[in-house]
Amino acid sequence: MLDPKIFEELNNKLSALIAASPARDIERNVKALLASVFEKMELVTREEFEIQAELLARTREKLTALEARVAELEKNAGK
């Protein structure tokens, strides 16, 4: 996965270069371009990823419990 510090560092360097020049429009254009590229890559934040991973883990736990319950009910129904 891409390290967000790389993008932050790139942004800081671009901001420093642009602050020293009258090229504010370039900064906005570069930010818009990068945002567009990231959106097309369908990247998610670490926080979003961790939330979904936690949700998946809970869902797996529930599924396991339900499978065990169904197995028990089937076992009792067979008696």
C-alpha atoms as a PDB file:
ATOM      1  CA  MET A   1       0.000   0.000   0.000  1.00  0.00           C
ATOM      2  CA  LEU A   2       1.193   3.489  -0.676  1.00  0.00           C
ATOM      3  CA  ASP A   3       2.573   5.422   2.272  1.00  0.00           C
ATOM      4  CA  PRO A   4       0.517   8.572   2.903  1.00  0.00           C
ATOM      5  CA  LYS A   5       3.657  10.321   4.133  1.00  0.00           C
ATOM      6  CA  ILE A   6       4.991  10.261   0.567  1.00  0.00           C
ATOM      7  CA  PHE A   7       1.993  12.245  -0.676  1.00  0.00           C
ATOM      8  CA  GLU A   8       2.173  14.591   2.296  1.00  0.00           C
ATOM      9  CA  GLU A   9       5.866  15.181   1.640  1.00  0.00           C
ATOM     10  CA  LEU A  10       5.173  15.762  -2.060  1.00  0.00           C
ATOM     11  CA  ASN A  11       2.430  18.219  -1.186  1.00  0.00           C
ATOM     12  CA  ASN A  12       4.697  20.073   1.256  1.00  0.00           C
ATOM     13  CA  LYS A  13       7.468  20.352  -1.320  1.00  0.00           C
ATOM     14  CA  LEU A  14       5.075  21.549  -3.999  1.00  0.00           C
ATOM     15  CA  SER A  15       3.580  24.073  -1.596  1.00  0.00           C
ATOM     16  CA  ALA A  16       7.014  25.398  -0.671  1.00  0.00           C
ATOM     17  CA  LEU A  17       7.970  25.782  -4.339  1.00  0.00           C
ATOM     18  CA  ILE A  18       4.736  27.484  -5.229  1.00  0.00           C
ATOM     19  CA  ALA A  19       4.813  29.794  -2.213  1.00  0.00           C
ATOM     20  CA  ALA A  20       8.110  31.128  -3.520  1.00  0.00           C
ATOM     21  CA  SER A  21       6.580  31.824  -6.937  1.00  0.00           C
ATOM     22  CA  PRO A  22       3.396  33.392  -8.307  1.00  0.00           C
ATOM     23  CA  ALA A  23       2.143  30.012  -9.527  1.00  0.00           C
ATOM     24  CA  ARG A  24      -0.848  29.510  -7.191  1.00  0.00           C
ATOM     25  CA  ASP A  25      -2.916  28.273 -10.121  1.00  0.00           C
ATOM     26  CA  ILE A  26      -0.436  25.488 -10.718  1.00  0.00           C
ATOM     27  CA  GLU A  27      -0.843  24.336  -7.122  1.00  0.00           C
ATOM     28  CA  ARG A  28      -4.608  24.148  -7.490  1.00  0.00           C
ATOM     29  CA  ASN A  29      -4.272  22.346 -10.803  1.00  0.00           C
ATOM     30  CA  VAL A  30      -1.788  19.824  -9.427  1.00  0.00           C
ATOM     31  CA  LYS A  31      -3.967  19.167  -6.374  1.00  0.00           C
ATOM     32  CA  ALA A  32      -7.012  18.696  -8.597  1.00  0.00           C
ATOM     33  CA  LEU A  33      -5.056  16.383 -10.878  1.00  0.00           C
ATOM     34  CA  LEU A  34      -3.778  14.304  -7.955  1.00  0.00           C
ATOM     35  CA  ALA A  35      -7.250  14.137  -6.406  1.00  0.00           C
ATOM     36  CA  SER A  36      -8.644  12.962  -9.721  1.00  0.00           C
ATOM     37  CA  VAL A  37      -5.961  10.287 -10.079  1.00  0.00           C
ATOM     38  CA  PHE A  38      -6.518   9.049  -6.518  1.00  0.00           C
ATOM     39  CA  GLU A  39     -10.270   8.964  -7.050  1.00  0.00           C
ATOM     40  CA  LYS A  40      -9.851   6.875 -10.199  1.00  0.00           C
ATOM     41  CA  MET A  41      -7.591   4.511  -8.264  1.00  0.00           C
ATOM     42  CA  GLU A  42     -10.459   4.103  -5.776  1.00  0.00           C
ATOM     43  CA  LEU A  43      -8.126   4.434  -2.795  1.00  0.00           C
ATOM     44  CA  VAL A  44      -9.532   4.352   0.720  1.00  0.00           C
ATOM     45  CA  THR A  45      -8.082   5.762   3.884  1.00  0.00           C
ATOM     46  CA  ARG A  46      -6.500   3.519   6.485  1.00  0.00           C
ATOM     47  CA  GLU A  47      -9.364   4.369   8.832  1.00  0.00           C
ATOM     48  CA  GLU A  48     -11.969   3.260   6.283  1.00  0.00           C
ATOM     49  CA  PHE A  49     -10.021   0.058   5.647  1.00  0.00           C
ATOM     50  CA  GLU A  50      -9.761  -0.746   9.360  1.00  0.00           C
ATOM     51  CA  ILE A  51     -13.484  -0.107   9.882  1.00  0.00           C
ATOM     52  CA  GLN A  52     -14.345  -2.490   7.054  1.00  0.00           C
ATOM     53  CA  ALA A  53     -11.872  -5.109   8.332  1.00  0.00           C
ATOM     54  CA  GLU A  54     -13.450  -4.927  11.799  1.00  0.00           C
ATOM     55  CA  LEU A  55     -16.933  -5.201  10.320  1.00  0.00           C
ATOM     56  CA  LEU A  56     -15.864  -8.239   8.313  1.00  0.00           C
ATOM     57  CA  ALA A  57     -14.376  -9.899  11.408  1.00  0.00           C
ATOM     58  CA  ARG A  58     -17.626  -9.386  13.357  1.00  0.00           C
ATOM     59  CA  THR A  59     -19.633 -10.736  10.437  1.00  0.00           C
ATOM     60  CA  ARG A  60     -17.439 -13.840  10.313  1.00  0.00           C
ATOM     61  CA  GLU A  61     -17.945 -14.382  14.044  1.00  0.00           C
ATOM     62  CA  LYS A  62     -21.722 -14.109  13.648  1.00  0.00           C
ATOM     63  CA  LEU A  63     -21.659 -16.486  10.679  1.00  0.00           C
ATOM     64  CA  THR A  64     -19.652 -19.045  12.636  1.00  0.00           C
ATOM     65  CA  ALA A  65     -22.084 -18.807  15.554  1.00  0.00           C
ATOM     66  CA  LEU A  66     -25.086 -19.164  13.247  1.00  0.00           C
ATOM     67  CA  GLU A  67     -23.542 -22.151  11.478  1.00  0.00           C
ATOM     68  CA  ALA A  68     -22.967 -23.836  14.847  1.00  0.00           C
ATOM     69  CA  ARG A  69     -26.541 -23.100  15.887  1.00  0.00           C
ATOM     70  CA  VAL A  70     -27.957 -24.508  12.636  1.00  0.00           C
ATOM     71  CA  ALA A  71     -25.834 -27.624  13.031  1.00  0.00           C
ATOM     72  CA  GLU A  72     -27.136 -28.059  16.585  1.00  0.00           C
ATOM     73  CA  LEU A  73     -30.740 -27.560  15.480  1.00  0.00           C
ATOM     74  CA  GLU A  74     -30.303 -30.066  12.665  1.00  0.00           C
ATOM     75  CA  LYS A  75     -28.771 -32.536  15.085  1.00  0.00           C
ATOM     76  CA  ASN A  76     -31.698 -32.135  17.521  1.00  0.00           C
ATOM     77  CA  ALA A  77     -34.269 -32.332  14.695  1.00  0.00           C
ATOM     78  CA  GLY A  78     -32.834 -35.686  13.657  1.00  0.00           C
ATOM     79  CA  LYS A  79     -33.528 -37.282  17.053  1.00  0.00           C
END
